[in-house]
Amino acid sequence: MSTGYALAYRLGITPWERAGEVARAGFEALLEREEAERSRPLGRALDLGCGRGQHTHELAARGWEAVGVDNIPRAVEAARSTGSSGATFVVGDVTQLSEAALGTFDFFLDVGCFHGLDADARREQGAGVTAIARPNATLLMLAFQPTPLPLVPDGVSQADVEAAFPGWQLLSVEPADTSGMPGPLKRTTPHWYRLRKSL
């Protein structure tokens, strides 16, 4: 995880949280699509790079057994102290998921974590997710496209996503709602990637 991410939490600068609130309706529609394909109970969901738990709490409120993992203790402490959704939060490294002993999962959510990693770390995250994914598990990822903009993650291409998850089928790629993002960040043209673990 980038040092800029840790610094942002120390300074209390988290523009991605506001962007998430503005784009909430679109995000909920994506979750509804996931849930429509499943029976109840929905299963276990892991929020990768959960930050202060905005999306983890949402998953738990919708009926998932939700776990959030982040390597910034300050963010995890905040996540634990807000909401009463029943979500669980763990300090851990998304590139070393086996060390966190989290169990297995049916659904993975990555909102802006993967695209901040270098190529080796992306492969490590992909391998870790694959190792704890149950059969037919799905992954929903929001990631910036590659960009030369300063002070933002480098971004990833569709090829980068597929390279990190070789045992997964790419189901869809859709442009994300950028209406809540600061002006320069809109130029990152983020996309939602949806993948399913191959049997």
N, C-alpha and C. Protein backbone atom coordinates (compact mmCIF):
# COMPACT_ATOMS: atom_id res chain seq x y z
N MET A 1 0.85 -1.18 0.00
CA MET A 1 0.00 0.00 0.00
C MET A 1 0.89 1.24 0.00
N SER A 2 0.50 2.27 -0.71
CA SER A 2 1.36 3.43 -0.84
C SER A 2 1.44 4.21 0.46
N THR A 3 2.59 4.89 0.64
CA THR A 3 2.74 5.74 1.81
C THR A 3 1.79 6.93 1.74
N GLY A 4 1.41 7.33 0.52
CA GLY A 4 0.47 8.43 0.37
C GLY A 4 -0.89 8.10 0.97
N TYR A 5 -1.28 6.85 0.88
CA TYR A 5 -2.55 6.40 1.46
C TYR A 5 -2.51 6.55 2.98
N ALA A 6 -1.41 6.12 3.60
CA ALA A 6 -1.27 6.24 5.04
C ALA A 6 -1.25 7.71 5.45
N LEU A 7 -0.55 8.53 4.69
CA LEU A 7 -0.48 9.97 4.99
C LEU A 7 -1.86 10.61 4.90
N ALA A 8 -2.63 10.22 3.91
CA ALA A 8 -3.98 10.78 3.76
C ALA A 8 -4.82 10.54 5.01
N TYR A 9 -4.72 9.34 5.59
CA TYR A 9 -5.47 9.06 6.81
C TYR A 9 -4.94 9.87 7.99
N ARG A 10 -3.63 10.06 8.06
CA ARG A 10 -3.07 10.86 9.15
C ARG A 10 -3.56 12.30 9.07
N LEU A 11 -3.70 12.80 7.84
CA LEU A 11 -4.14 14.18 7.65
C LEU A 11 -5.66 14.32 7.61
N GLY A 12 -6.36 13.20 7.58
CA GLY A 12 -7.83 13.26 7.51
C GLY A 12 -8.34 13.63 6.14
N ILE A 13 -7.56 13.35 5.10
CA ILE A 13 -7.94 13.68 3.73
C ILE A 13 -8.37 12.40 3.03
N THR A 14 -9.68 12.20 2.89
CA THR A 14 -10.19 10.95 2.32
C THR A 14 -11.27 11.25 1.27
N PRO A 15 -10.86 11.83 0.12
CA PRO A 15 -11.86 12.21 -0.89
C PRO A 15 -12.63 11.03 -1.44
N TRP A 16 -12.05 9.82 -1.35
CA TRP A 16 -12.73 8.64 -1.89
C TRP A 16 -14.00 8.33 -1.11
N GLU A 17 -14.06 8.73 0.15
CA GLU A 17 -15.27 8.48 0.94
C GLU A 17 -16.42 9.34 0.44
N ARG A 18 -16.15 10.60 0.15
CA ARG A 18 -17.20 11.47 -0.40
C ARG A 18 -17.64 10.96 -1.77
N ALA A 19 -16.68 10.57 -2.60
CA ALA A 19 -17.02 10.05 -3.93
C ALA A 19 -17.91 8.82 -3.80
N GLY A 20 -17.63 7.99 -2.81
CA GLY A 20 -18.44 6.80 -2.60
C GLY A 20 -19.87 7.13 -2.22
N GLU A 21 -20.05 8.17 -1.42
CA GLU A 21 -21.40 8.57 -1.03
C GLU A 21 -22.18 9.09 -2.23
N VAL A 22 -21.54 9.89 -3.07
CA VAL A 22 -22.21 10.45 -4.24
C VAL A 22 -22.61 9.34 -5.21
N ALA A 23 -21.75 8.34 -5.36
CA ALA A 23 -22.00 7.24 -6.31
C ALA A 23 -22.71 6.07 -5.66
N ARG A 24 -23.32 6.28 -4.52
CA ARG A 24 -23.91 5.19 -3.73
C ARG A 24 -24.96 4.40 -4.51
N ALA A 25 -25.82 5.08 -5.25
CA ALA A 25 -26.89 4.37 -5.97
C ALA A 25 -26.32 3.37 -6.96
N GLY A 26 -25.28 3.77 -7.69
CA GLY A 26 -24.67 2.87 -8.65
C GLY A 26 -23.99 1.69 -7.98
N PHE A 27 -23.35 1.96 -6.85
CA PHE A 27 -22.69 0.89 -6.10
C PHE A 27 -23.72 -0.11 -5.58
N GLU A 28 -24.84 0.41 -5.07
CA GLU A 28 -25.89 -0.49 -4.57
C GLU A 28 -26.45 -1.35 -5.69
N ALA A 29 -26.55 -0.79 -6.88
CA ALA A 29 -27.05 -1.58 -8.01
C ALA A 29 -26.09 -2.73 -8.34
N LEU A 30 -24.80 -2.48 -8.22
CA LEU A 30 -23.82 -3.54 -8.46
C LEU A 30 -23.95 -4.64 -7.41
N LEU A 31 -24.17 -4.25 -6.16
CA LEU A 31 -24.35 -5.25 -5.11
C LEU A 31 -25.65 -6.03 -5.31
N GLU A 32 -26.69 -5.35 -5.75
CA GLU A 32 -27.96 -6.03 -6.01
C GLU A 32 -27.80 -7.09 -7.10
N ARG A 33 -26.97 -6.81 -8.09
CA ARG A 33 -26.70 -7.80 -9.13
C ARG A 33 -26.01 -9.02 -8.53
N GLU A 34 -25.04 -8.79 -7.66
CA GLU A 34 -24.36 -9.91 -7.01
C GLU A 34 -25.36 -10.75 -6.22
N GLU A 35 -26.20 -10.08 -5.47
CA GLU A 35 -27.10 -10.78 -4.56
C GLU A 35 -28.21 -11.50 -5.30
N ALA A 36 -28.60 -10.98 -6.47
CA ALA A 36 -29.68 -11.61 -7.24
C ALA A 36 -29.28 -12.99 -7.73
N GLU A 37 -27.98 -13.25 -7.83
CA GLU A 37 -27.50 -14.54 -8.32
C GLU A 37 -27.29 -15.54 -7.19
N ARG A 38 -27.61 -15.16 -5.96
CA ARG A 38 -27.31 -16.00 -4.81
C ARG A 38 -28.57 -16.30 -4.01
N SER A 39 -28.49 -17.39 -3.27
CA SER A 39 -29.56 -17.69 -2.31
C SER A 39 -29.17 -17.10 -0.96
N ARG A 40 -30.11 -17.07 -0.06
CA ARG A 40 -29.83 -16.59 1.30
C ARG A 40 -29.51 -17.76 2.20
N PRO A 41 -28.61 -17.62 3.17
CA PRO A 41 -27.78 -16.43 3.43
C PRO A 41 -26.76 -16.20 2.33
N LEU A 42 -26.36 -14.95 2.18
CA LEU A 42 -25.52 -14.57 1.05
C LEU A 42 -24.13 -15.17 1.10
N GLY A 43 -23.57 -15.35 2.29
CA GLY A 43 -22.22 -15.88 2.41
C GLY A 43 -21.27 -14.86 2.99
N ARG A 44 -19.99 -15.14 2.83
CA ARG A 44 -18.95 -14.31 3.42
C ARG A 44 -18.36 -13.37 2.37
N ALA A 45 -18.14 -12.11 2.77
CA ALA A 45 -17.59 -11.10 1.87
C ALA A 45 -16.36 -10.47 2.51
N LEU A 46 -15.32 -10.26 1.72
CA LEU A 46 -14.10 -9.62 2.19
C LEU A 46 -13.90 -8.31 1.45
N ASP A 47 -13.82 -7.21 2.20
CA ASP A 47 -13.58 -5.87 1.66
C ASP A 47 -12.08 -5.61 1.75
N LEU A 48 -11.41 -5.62 0.61
CA LEU A 48 -9.96 -5.47 0.53
C LEU A 48 -9.57 -4.00 0.55
N GLY A 49 -8.72 -3.61 1.51
CA GLY A 49 -8.37 -2.20 1.65
C GLY A 49 -9.59 -1.41 2.10
N CYS A 50 -10.21 -1.87 3.18
CA CYS A 50 -11.54 -1.38 3.59
C CYS A 50 -11.54 0.04 4.11
N GLY A 51 -10.37 0.61 4.46
CA GLY A 51 -10.35 1.94 5.03
C GLY A 51 -11.18 2.01 6.30
N ARG A 52 -12.02 3.02 6.40
CA ARG A 52 -12.84 3.21 7.60
C ARG A 52 -14.16 2.44 7.56
N GLY A 53 -14.24 1.48 6.65
CA GLY A 53 -15.33 0.53 6.68
C GLY A 53 -16.62 0.95 6.02
N GLN A 54 -16.59 2.01 5.23
CA GLN A 54 -17.80 2.49 4.56
C GLN A 54 -18.54 1.38 3.82
N HIS A 55 -17.81 0.64 3.01
CA HIS A 55 -18.43 -0.41 2.21
C HIS A 55 -18.62 -1.71 2.99
N THR A 56 -17.74 -1.96 3.94
CA THR A 56 -17.88 -3.18 4.75
C THR A 56 -19.17 -3.15 5.55
N HIS A 57 -19.45 -2.00 6.15
CA HIS A 57 -20.70 -1.86 6.90
C HIS A 57 -21.92 -2.03 5.99
N GLU A 58 -21.81 -1.51 4.76
CA GLU A 58 -22.90 -1.66 3.80
C GLU A 58 -23.14 -3.13 3.47
N LEU A 59 -22.06 -3.87 3.25
CA LEU A 59 -22.19 -5.29 2.96
C LEU A 59 -22.87 -6.02 4.12
N ALA A 60 -22.44 -5.73 5.34
CA ALA A 60 -23.02 -6.39 6.50
C ALA A 60 -24.50 -6.05 6.64
N ALA A 61 -24.85 -4.80 6.39
CA ALA A 61 -26.25 -4.38 6.50
C ALA A 61 -27.12 -5.08 5.47
N ARG A 62 -26.53 -5.49 4.36
CA ARG A 62 -27.28 -6.16 3.30
C ARG A 62 -27.38 -7.67 3.52
N GLY A 63 -26.73 -8.17 4.57
CA GLY A 63 -26.86 -9.59 4.88
C GLY A 63 -25.63 -10.43 4.66
N TRP A 64 -24.53 -9.82 4.23
CA TRP A 64 -23.28 -10.56 4.09
C TRP A 64 -22.62 -10.72 5.46
N GLU A 65 -21.89 -11.79 5.64
CA GLU A 65 -20.98 -11.90 6.77
C GLU A 65 -19.70 -11.18 6.34
N ALA A 66 -19.61 -9.91 6.68
CA ALA A 66 -18.62 -9.02 6.09
C ALA A 66 -17.39 -8.85 6.96
N VAL A 67 -16.24 -8.91 6.30
CA VAL A 67 -14.94 -8.70 6.95
C VAL A 67 -14.21 -7.64 6.15
N GLY A 68 -13.63 -6.67 6.84
CA GLY A 68 -12.81 -5.65 6.19
C GLY A 68 -11.37 -5.80 6.63
N VAL A 69 -10.44 -5.65 5.68
CA VAL A 69 -9.02 -5.74 6.00
C VAL A 69 -8.30 -4.53 5.43
N ASP A 70 -7.42 -3.93 6.24
CA ASP A 70 -6.65 -2.77 5.81
C ASP A 70 -5.36 -2.74 6.61
N ASN A 71 -4.31 -2.18 6.02
CA ASN A 71 -3.03 -2.16 6.72
C ASN A 71 -2.79 -0.87 7.50
N ILE A 72 -3.78 0.01 7.56
CA ILE A 72 -3.66 1.26 8.31
C ILE A 72 -4.43 1.11 9.62
N PRO A 73 -3.74 0.91 10.75
CA PRO A 73 -4.44 0.72 12.02
C PRO A 73 -5.42 1.82 12.35
N ARG A 74 -5.08 3.08 12.05
CA ARG A 74 -5.97 4.20 12.34
C ARG A 74 -7.31 4.04 11.61
N ALA A 75 -7.25 3.59 10.36
CA ALA A 75 -8.48 3.39 9.58
C ALA A 75 -9.31 2.25 10.16
N VAL A 76 -8.65 1.16 10.52
CA VAL A 76 -9.36 0.00 11.07
C VAL A 76 -10.01 0.35 12.41
N GLU A 77 -9.31 1.11 13.24
CA GLU A 77 -9.88 1.54 14.51
C GLU A 77 -11.14 2.37 14.28
N ALA A 78 -11.09 3.26 13.29
CA ALA A 78 -12.27 4.07 12.97
C ALA A 78 -13.41 3.20 12.47
N ALA A 79 -13.09 2.21 11.66
CA ALA A 79 -14.12 1.31 11.13
C ALA A 79 -14.81 0.55 12.26
N ARG A 80 -14.02 0.11 13.22
CA ARG A 80 -14.59 -0.63 14.34
C ARG A 80 -15.47 0.24 15.23
N SER A 81 -15.17 1.53 15.27
CA SER A 81 -15.89 2.40 16.18
C SER A 81 -17.14 3.02 15.59
N THR A 82 -17.35 2.83 14.28
CA THR A 82 -18.53 3.41 13.63
C THR A 82 -19.48 2.31 13.20
N GLY A 83 -20.75 2.58 13.31
CA GLY A 83 -21.75 1.63 12.84
C GLY A 83 -21.93 0.46 13.78
N SER A 84 -23.06 -0.20 13.63
CA SER A 84 -23.38 -1.38 14.44
C SER A 84 -23.85 -2.50 13.52
N SER A 85 -23.18 -2.62 12.37
CA SER A 85 -23.62 -3.56 11.34
C SER A 85 -23.26 -5.01 11.65
N GLY A 86 -22.33 -5.21 12.56
CA GLY A 86 -21.84 -6.56 12.82
C GLY A 86 -20.66 -6.96 11.98
N ALA A 87 -20.15 -6.03 11.17
CA ALA A 87 -18.96 -6.31 10.36
C ALA A 87 -17.75 -6.49 11.26
N THR A 88 -16.79 -7.26 10.76
CA THR A 88 -15.53 -7.52 11.47
C THR A 88 -14.40 -6.82 10.73
N PHE A 89 -13.45 -6.28 11.47
CA PHE A 89 -12.33 -5.56 10.85
C PHE A 89 -11.00 -6.08 11.37
N VAL A 90 -10.05 -6.21 10.45
CA VAL A 90 -8.75 -6.80 10.74
C VAL A 90 -7.65 -5.91 10.16
N VAL A 91 -6.60 -5.67 10.94
CA VAL A 91 -5.41 -5.02 10.40
C VAL A 91 -4.60 -6.08 9.68
N GLY A 92 -4.38 -5.88 8.40
CA GLY A 92 -3.66 -6.87 7.63
C GLY A 92 -3.27 -6.32 6.27
N ASP A 93 -2.39 -7.05 5.60
CA ASP A 93 -1.85 -6.67 4.31
C ASP A 93 -2.57 -7.45 3.22
N VAL A 94 -3.16 -6.77 2.26
CA VAL A 94 -3.91 -7.46 1.20
C VAL A 94 -3.00 -8.30 0.32
N THR A 95 -1.69 -8.08 0.39
CA THR A 95 -0.76 -8.91 -0.38
C THR A 95 -0.24 -10.10 0.42
N GLN A 96 -0.68 -10.22 1.66
CA GLN A 96 -0.27 -11.33 2.52
C GLN A 96 -1.51 -11.88 3.25
N LEU A 97 -2.53 -12.20 2.50
CA LEU A 97 -3.81 -12.58 3.11
C LEU A 97 -3.71 -13.88 3.90
N SER A 98 -2.81 -14.78 3.51
CA SER A 98 -2.70 -16.05 4.23
C SER A 98 -2.28 -15.83 5.67
N GLU A 99 -1.53 -14.77 5.93
CA GLU A 99 -1.06 -14.50 7.28
C GLU A 99 -2.17 -14.01 8.20
N ALA A 100 -3.25 -13.52 7.63
CA ALA A 100 -4.34 -12.98 8.44
C ALA A 100 -5.31 -14.04 8.92
N ALA A 101 -5.24 -15.26 8.37
CA ALA A 101 -6.10 -16.37 8.78
C ALA A 101 -7.57 -15.95 8.82
N LEU A 102 -8.07 -15.46 7.70
CA LEU A 102 -9.42 -14.92 7.62
C LEU A 102 -10.47 -15.96 7.27
N GLY A 103 -10.06 -17.13 6.81
CA GLY A 103 -11.03 -18.11 6.34
C GLY A 103 -11.27 -17.95 4.85
N THR A 104 -12.36 -18.52 4.36
CA THR A 104 -12.68 -18.46 2.93
C THR A 104 -13.89 -17.58 2.69
N PHE A 105 -14.03 -17.14 1.41
CA PHE A 105 -15.04 -16.14 1.09
C PHE A 105 -15.74 -16.44 -0.23
N ASP A 106 -16.97 -15.93 -0.31
CA ASP A 106 -17.80 -16.07 -1.52
C ASP A 106 -17.73 -14.83 -2.40
N PHE A 107 -17.37 -13.70 -1.82
CA PHE A 107 -17.39 -12.43 -2.54
C PHE A 107 -16.27 -11.55 -2.03
N PHE A 108 -15.60 -10.89 -2.98
CA PHE A 108 -14.51 -9.97 -2.66
C PHE A 108 -14.83 -8.60 -3.26
N LEU A 109 -14.57 -7.56 -2.48
CA LEU A 109 -14.78 -6.19 -2.94
C LEU A 109 -13.46 -5.44 -2.82
N ASP A 110 -13.07 -4.78 -3.88
CA ASP A 110 -11.85 -3.97 -3.88
C ASP A 110 -12.21 -2.63 -4.51
N VAL A 111 -12.35 -1.61 -3.66
CA VAL A 111 -12.68 -0.27 -4.16
C VAL A 111 -11.43 0.60 -4.03
N GLY A 112 -10.60 0.57 -5.08
CA GLY A 112 -9.44 1.45 -5.12
C GLY A 112 -8.22 0.99 -4.37
N CYS A 113 -8.11 -0.28 -4.06
CA CYS A 113 -6.91 -0.80 -3.39
C CYS A 113 -5.92 -1.35 -4.41
N PHE A 114 -6.39 -2.25 -5.25
CA PHE A 114 -5.54 -2.95 -6.21
C PHE A 114 -4.76 -1.98 -7.09
N HIS A 115 -5.39 -0.90 -7.53
CA HIS A 115 -4.74 0.00 -8.49
C HIS A 115 -3.60 0.82 -7.87
N GLY A 116 -3.42 0.75 -6.55
CA GLY A 116 -2.32 1.44 -5.90
C GLY A 116 -1.11 0.57 -5.66
N LEU A 117 -1.18 -0.69 -6.10
CA LEU A 117 -0.10 -1.65 -5.87
C LEU A 117 0.81 -1.75 -7.10
N ASP A 118 2.08 -2.12 -6.87
CA ASP A 118 2.95 -2.37 -8.02
C ASP A 118 2.65 -3.77 -8.57
N ALA A 119 3.29 -4.13 -9.66
CA ALA A 119 2.95 -5.37 -10.36
C ALA A 119 3.14 -6.60 -9.48
N ASP A 120 4.24 -6.66 -8.72
CA ASP A 120 4.47 -7.81 -7.86
C ASP A 120 3.40 -7.91 -6.78
N ALA A 121 3.06 -6.77 -6.17
CA ALA A 121 2.05 -6.77 -5.11
C ALA A 121 0.67 -7.13 -5.67
N ARG A 122 0.38 -6.71 -6.90
CA ARG A 122 -0.90 -7.09 -7.51
C ARG A 122 -0.99 -8.60 -7.69
N ARG A 123 0.11 -9.21 -8.12
CA ARG A 123 0.12 -10.67 -8.27
C ARG A 123 -0.05 -11.35 -6.91
N GLU A 124 0.58 -10.80 -5.89
CA GLU A 124 0.45 -11.38 -4.56
C GLU A 124 -0.98 -11.26 -4.04
N GLN A 125 -1.61 -10.10 -4.28
CA GLN A 125 -3.00 -9.97 -3.87
C GLN A 125 -3.86 -10.98 -4.62
N GLY A 126 -3.66 -11.08 -5.93
CA GLY A 126 -4.45 -12.02 -6.72
C GLY A 126 -4.29 -13.45 -6.24
N ALA A 127 -3.06 -13.84 -5.94
CA ALA A 127 -2.82 -15.21 -5.46
C ALA A 127 -3.47 -15.42 -4.10
N GLY A 128 -3.40 -14.41 -3.24
CA GLY A 128 -3.99 -14.54 -1.92
C GLY A 128 -5.50 -14.63 -1.97
N VAL A 129 -6.12 -13.82 -2.81
CA VAL A 129 -7.57 -13.88 -2.98
C VAL A 129 -7.98 -15.24 -3.54
N THR A 130 -7.26 -15.71 -4.54
CA THR A 130 -7.59 -16.99 -5.15
C THR A 130 -7.51 -18.12 -4.14
N ALA A 131 -6.52 -18.06 -3.25
CA ALA A 131 -6.33 -19.13 -2.27
C ALA A 131 -7.46 -19.21 -1.26
N ILE A 132 -8.15 -18.10 -0.99
CA ILE A 132 -9.22 -18.11 0.02
C ILE A 132 -10.60 -17.95 -0.60
N ALA A 133 -10.67 -18.06 -1.93
CA ALA A 133 -11.95 -17.94 -2.62
C ALA A 133 -12.64 -19.30 -2.70
N ARG A 134 -13.91 -19.33 -2.35
CA ARG A 134 -14.70 -20.54 -2.48
C ARG A 134 -15.06 -20.75 -3.96
N PRO A 135 -15.49 -21.95 -4.33
CA PRO A 135 -15.90 -22.19 -5.73
C PRO A 135 -16.97 -21.18 -6.17
N ASN A 136 -16.81 -20.65 -7.37
CA ASN A 136 -17.72 -19.67 -7.96
C ASN A 136 -17.74 -18.34 -7.23
N ALA A 137 -16.73 -18.06 -6.43
CA ALA A 137 -16.63 -16.75 -5.78
C ALA A 137 -16.53 -15.66 -6.84
N THR A 138 -16.99 -14.47 -6.50
CA THR A 138 -16.89 -13.34 -7.41
C THR A 138 -16.08 -12.23 -6.77
N LEU A 139 -15.50 -11.40 -7.63
CA LEU A 139 -14.71 -10.25 -7.23
C LEU A 139 -15.25 -9.03 -7.96
N LEU A 140 -15.50 -7.97 -7.22
CA LEU A 140 -15.93 -6.70 -7.80
C LEU A 140 -14.87 -5.66 -7.45
N MET A 141 -14.27 -5.07 -8.46
CA MET A 141 -13.14 -4.17 -8.26
C MET A 141 -13.33 -2.84 -8.98
N LEU A 142 -13.11 -1.76 -8.24
CA LEU A 142 -13.08 -0.42 -8.84
C LEU A 142 -11.62 -0.01 -8.96
N ALA A 143 -11.18 0.31 -10.17
CA ALA A 143 -9.78 0.66 -10.37
C ALA A 143 -9.64 1.77 -11.40
N PHE A 144 -8.69 2.69 -11.12
CA PHE A 144 -8.34 3.73 -12.08
C PHE A 144 -7.64 3.10 -13.27
N GLN A 145 -7.79 3.74 -14.42
CA GLN A 145 -6.99 3.39 -15.59
C GLN A 145 -5.59 4.00 -15.42
N PRO A 146 -4.59 3.48 -16.14
CA PRO A 146 -3.24 4.06 -16.03
C PRO A 146 -3.26 5.55 -16.33
N THR A 147 -2.54 6.31 -15.49
CA THR A 147 -2.54 7.76 -15.62
C THR A 147 -1.21 8.33 -15.16
N PRO A 148 -0.74 9.41 -15.83
CA PRO A 148 0.49 10.07 -15.39
C PRO A 148 0.24 11.16 -14.35
N LEU A 149 -0.99 11.30 -13.90
CA LEU A 149 -1.31 12.37 -12.95
C LEU A 149 -0.47 12.23 -11.68
N PRO A 150 0.06 13.34 -11.15
CA PRO A 150 0.83 13.25 -9.90
C PRO A 150 -0.09 13.05 -8.70
N LEU A 151 0.46 12.44 -7.66
CA LEU A 151 -0.22 12.30 -6.37
C LEU A 151 -1.47 11.42 -6.41
N VAL A 152 -1.60 10.60 -7.43
CA VAL A 152 -2.69 9.62 -7.47
C VAL A 152 -2.09 8.27 -7.83
N PRO A 153 -2.78 7.18 -7.53
CA PRO A 153 -2.25 5.86 -7.92
C PRO A 153 -1.98 5.78 -9.41
N ASP A 154 -1.01 4.94 -9.78
CA ASP A 154 -0.63 4.81 -11.19
C ASP A 154 -1.76 4.25 -12.04
N GLY A 155 -2.66 3.47 -11.42
CA GLY A 155 -3.75 2.87 -12.16
C GLY A 155 -3.35 1.56 -12.81
N VAL A 156 -4.35 0.85 -13.33
CA VAL A 156 -4.12 -0.45 -13.96
C VAL A 156 -4.98 -0.58 -15.20
N SER A 157 -4.53 -1.43 -16.09
CA SER A 157 -5.29 -1.74 -17.30
C SER A 157 -6.09 -3.02 -17.08
N GLN A 158 -6.97 -3.32 -18.01
CA GLN A 158 -7.69 -4.60 -17.95
C GLN A 158 -6.71 -5.76 -17.98
N ALA A 159 -5.66 -5.62 -18.77
CA ALA A 159 -4.65 -6.68 -18.84
C ALA A 159 -3.97 -6.90 -17.49
N ASP A 160 -3.75 -5.82 -16.75
CA ASP A 160 -3.14 -5.94 -15.42
C ASP A 160 -4.05 -6.71 -14.48
N VAL A 161 -5.34 -6.43 -14.55
CA VAL A 161 -6.31 -7.13 -13.70
C VAL A 161 -6.32 -8.62 -14.04
N GLU A 162 -6.40 -8.92 -15.33
CA GLU A 162 -6.45 -10.33 -15.75
C GLU A 162 -5.15 -11.07 -15.42
N ALA A 163 -4.02 -10.38 -15.49
CA ALA A 163 -2.74 -11.02 -15.18
C ALA A 163 -2.64 -11.40 -13.72
N ALA A 164 -3.25 -10.62 -12.84
CA ALA A 164 -3.19 -10.89 -11.41
C ALA A 164 -4.17 -11.96 -10.98
N PHE A 165 -5.17 -12.23 -11.81
CA PHE A 165 -6.20 -13.22 -11.48
C PHE A 165 -6.35 -14.23 -12.62
N PRO A 166 -5.29 -15.02 -12.89
CA PRO A 166 -5.32 -15.91 -14.05
C PRO A 166 -6.34 -17.04 -13.94
N GLY A 167 -6.76 -17.38 -12.75
CA GLY A 167 -7.74 -18.44 -12.59
C GLY A 167 -9.16 -17.93 -12.50
N TRP A 168 -9.39 -16.72 -12.97
CA TRP A 168 -10.71 -16.09 -12.87
C TRP A 168 -11.21 -15.70 -14.26
N GLN A 169 -12.51 -15.74 -14.43
CA GLN A 169 -13.15 -15.32 -15.68
C GLN A 169 -13.60 -13.88 -15.54
N LEU A 170 -13.24 -13.03 -16.49
CA LEU A 170 -13.69 -11.64 -16.49
C LEU A 170 -15.11 -11.59 -17.02
N LEU A 171 -16.05 -11.22 -16.17
CA LEU A 171 -17.46 -11.20 -16.54
C LEU A 171 -17.90 -9.89 -17.17
N SER A 172 -17.36 -8.78 -16.67
CA SER A 172 -17.78 -7.48 -17.21
C SER A 172 -16.77 -6.40 -16.83
N VAL A 173 -16.74 -5.35 -17.65
CA VAL A 173 -15.96 -4.14 -17.40
C VAL A 173 -16.87 -2.97 -17.70
N GLU A 174 -17.09 -2.10 -16.71
CA GLU A 174 -18.05 -1.00 -16.87
C GLU A 174 -17.46 0.30 -16.34
N PRO A 175 -17.67 1.42 -17.03
CA PRO A 175 -17.21 2.71 -16.50
C PRO A 175 -17.88 3.01 -15.16
N ALA A 176 -17.14 3.61 -14.26
CA ALA A 176 -17.67 3.97 -12.95
C ALA A 176 -18.19 5.40 -12.94
N ASP A 177 -19.09 5.68 -12.03
CA ASP A 177 -19.63 7.02 -11.83
C ASP A 177 -18.55 7.88 -11.19
N THR A 178 -18.16 8.97 -11.84
CA THR A 178 -17.12 9.85 -11.31
C THR A 178 -17.68 11.18 -10.80
N SER A 179 -18.99 11.31 -10.70
CA SER A 179 -19.59 12.60 -10.37
C SER A 179 -19.16 13.13 -9.01
N GLY A 180 -18.79 12.26 -8.08
CA GLY A 180 -18.39 12.73 -6.76
C GLY A 180 -16.91 12.94 -6.60
N MET A 181 -16.15 12.70 -7.65
CA MET A 181 -14.69 12.81 -7.56
C MET A 181 -14.23 14.24 -7.81
N PRO A 182 -13.12 14.65 -7.15
CA PRO A 182 -12.51 15.94 -7.50
C PRO A 182 -12.15 15.96 -8.98
N GLY A 183 -12.16 17.15 -9.58
CA GLY A 183 -11.96 17.29 -11.02
C GLY A 183 -10.82 16.48 -11.60
N PRO A 184 -9.59 16.61 -11.07
CA PRO A 184 -8.48 15.86 -11.67
C PRO A 184 -8.66 14.35 -11.64
N LEU A 185 -9.30 13.84 -10.58
CA LEU A 185 -9.46 12.39 -10.47
C LEU A 185 -10.41 11.82 -11.52
N LYS A 186 -11.29 12.66 -12.05
CA LYS A 186 -12.18 12.18 -13.10
C LYS A 186 -11.40 11.73 -14.32
N ARG A 187 -10.19 12.27 -14.49
CA ARG A 187 -9.36 11.91 -15.64
C ARG A 187 -8.75 10.52 -15.50
N THR A 188 -8.92 9.89 -14.34
CA THR A 188 -8.42 8.52 -14.16
C THR A 188 -9.35 7.49 -14.78
N THR A 189 -10.51 7.92 -15.24
CA THR A 189 -11.51 7.05 -15.90
C THR A 189 -11.63 5.69 -15.23
N PRO A 190 -12.07 5.66 -13.98
CA PRO A 190 -12.17 4.38 -13.27
C PRO A 190 -13.21 3.46 -13.89
N HIS A 191 -12.96 2.15 -13.72
CA HIS A 191 -13.88 1.12 -14.20
C HIS A 191 -14.17 0.11 -13.10
N TRP A 192 -15.34 -0.49 -13.20
CA TRP A 192 -15.69 -1.62 -12.35
C TRP A 192 -15.38 -2.90 -13.13
N TYR A 193 -14.61 -3.77 -12.51
CA TYR A 193 -14.31 -5.08 -13.07
C TYR A 193 -15.02 -6.13 -12.23
N ARG A 194 -15.66 -7.07 -12.90
CA ARG A 194 -16.32 -8.16 -12.19
C ARG A 194 -15.76 -9.48 -12.71
N LEU A 195 -15.28 -10.29 -11.77
CA LEU A 195 -14.64 -11.56 -12.14
C LEU A 195 -15.24 -12.69 -11.32
N ARG A 196 -15.16 -13.90 -11.88
CA ARG A 196 -15.61 -15.10 -11.17
C ARG A 196 -14.50 -16.14 -11.19
N LYS A 197 -14.28 -16.76 -10.03
CA LYS A 197 -13.25 -17.79 -9.94
C LYS A 197 -13.68 -19.00 -10.77
N SER A 198 -12.78 -19.45 -11.61
CA SER A 198 -13.06 -20.62 -12.43
C SER A 198 -13.00 -21.87 -11.59
N LEU A 199 -13.80 -22.86 -11.93
CA LEU A 199 -13.81 -24.13 -11.18
C LEU A 199 -12.59 -24.96 -11.55
